[in-house]
Amino acid sequence: MSDPKHPELHLNEEPRNDLMDVALGFGGFFAVLMIIFIIGVIIKLVIG
């Protein structure tokens, strides 16, 4: 059953929602960049 020549016989053990994974990835990356930007602005205001 686990013959690689027959992919239709291979059941997906962990079905995942790819669109949701990509959306969460972009969202998380954007959040990290936003936090870095806000910290930079705060440092700039404190120094200036």
C-alpha atoms as a PDB file:
ATOM      1  CA  MET A   1       0.000   0.000   0.000  1.00  0.00           C
ATOM      2  CA  SER A   2       2.858   2.432   0.659  1.00  0.00           C
ATOM      3  CA  ASP A   3       4.172   1.993  -2.889  1.00  0.00           C
ATOM      4  CA  PRO A   4       5.453   5.407  -4.064  1.00  0.00           C
ATOM      5  CA  LYS A   5       4.395   4.597  -7.637  1.00  0.00           C
ATOM      6  CA  HIS A   6       0.742   4.839  -6.580  1.00  0.00           C
ATOM      7  CA  PRO A   7       0.205   8.205  -4.873  1.00  0.00           C
ATOM      8  CA  GLU A   8      -3.583   7.810  -4.993  1.00  0.00           C
ATOM      9  CA  LEU A   9      -3.285   4.934  -2.514  1.00  0.00           C
ATOM     10  CA  HIS A  10      -1.403   7.097  -0.045  1.00  0.00           C
ATOM     11  CA  LEU A  11      -3.863   8.558   2.428  1.00  0.00           C
ATOM     12  CA  ASN A  12      -3.168  12.009   3.809  1.00  0.00           C
ATOM     13  CA  GLU A  13      -2.608  11.360   7.507  1.00  0.00           C
ATOM     14  CA  GLU A  14      -2.671  15.037   8.478  1.00  0.00           C
ATOM     15  CA  PRO A  15      -5.011  17.023   6.253  1.00  0.00           C
ATOM     16  CA  ARG A  16      -4.090  20.680   6.454  1.00  0.00           C
ATOM     17  CA  ASN A  17      -5.669  23.856   5.201  1.00  0.00           C
ATOM     18  CA  ASP A  18      -2.887  25.289   3.053  1.00  0.00           C
ATOM     19  CA  LEU A  19      -4.605  28.648   2.534  1.00  0.00           C
ATOM     20  CA  MET A  20      -5.001  29.103   6.301  1.00  0.00           C
ATOM     21  CA  ASP A  21      -1.353  28.101   6.878  1.00  0.00           C
ATOM     22  CA  VAL A  22      -0.167  30.675   4.344  1.00  0.00           C
ATOM     23  CA  ALA A  23      -2.467  33.366   5.771  1.00  0.00           C
ATOM     24  CA  LEU A  24      -1.241  32.717   9.314  1.00  0.00           C
ATOM     25  CA  GLY A  25       2.357  32.725   8.088  1.00  0.00           C
ATOM     26  CA  PHE A  26       1.971  36.077   6.361  1.00  0.00           C
ATOM     27  CA  GLY A  27       0.098  37.464   9.358  1.00  0.00           C
ATOM     28  CA  GLY A  28       2.733  36.306  11.813  1.00  0.00           C
ATOM     29  CA  PHE A  29       5.553  37.660   9.663  1.00  0.00           C
ATOM     30  CA  PHE A  30       3.753  41.008   9.332  1.00  0.00           C
ATOM     31  CA  ALA A  31       3.209  41.121  13.113  1.00  0.00           C
ATOM     32  CA  VAL A  32       6.913  40.500  13.798  1.00  0.00           C
ATOM     33  CA  LEU A  33       7.930  43.233  11.347  1.00  0.00           C
ATOM     34  CA  MET A  34       5.378  45.626  12.875  1.00  0.00           C
ATOM     35  CA  ILE A  35       6.724  44.969  16.386  1.00  0.00           C
ATOM     36  CA  ILE A  36      10.287  45.603  15.192  1.00  0.00           C
ATOM     37  CA  PHE A  37       9.129  48.826  13.481  1.00  0.00           C
ATOM     38  CA  ILE A  38       7.291  50.052  16.597  1.00  0.00           C
ATOM     39  CA  ILE A  39      10.304  49.303  18.813  1.00  0.00           C
ATOM     40  CA  GLY A  40      12.509  51.202  16.352  1.00  0.00           C
ATOM     41  CA  VAL A  41      10.173  54.208  16.408  1.00  0.00           C
ATOM     42  CA  ILE A  42      10.082  54.206  20.211  1.00  0.00           C
ATOM     43  CA  ILE A  43      13.887  54.044  20.392  1.00  0.00           C
ATOM     44  CA  LYS A  44      14.122  56.871  17.839  1.00  0.00           C
ATOM     45  CA  LEU A  45      11.732  59.037  19.873  1.00  0.00           C
ATOM     46  CA  VAL A  46      13.561  58.313  23.143  1.00  0.00           C
ATOM     47  CA  ILE A  47      16.972  59.101  21.662  1.00  0.00           C
ATOM     48  CA  GLY A  48      15.790  62.110  19.668  1.00  0.00           C
END
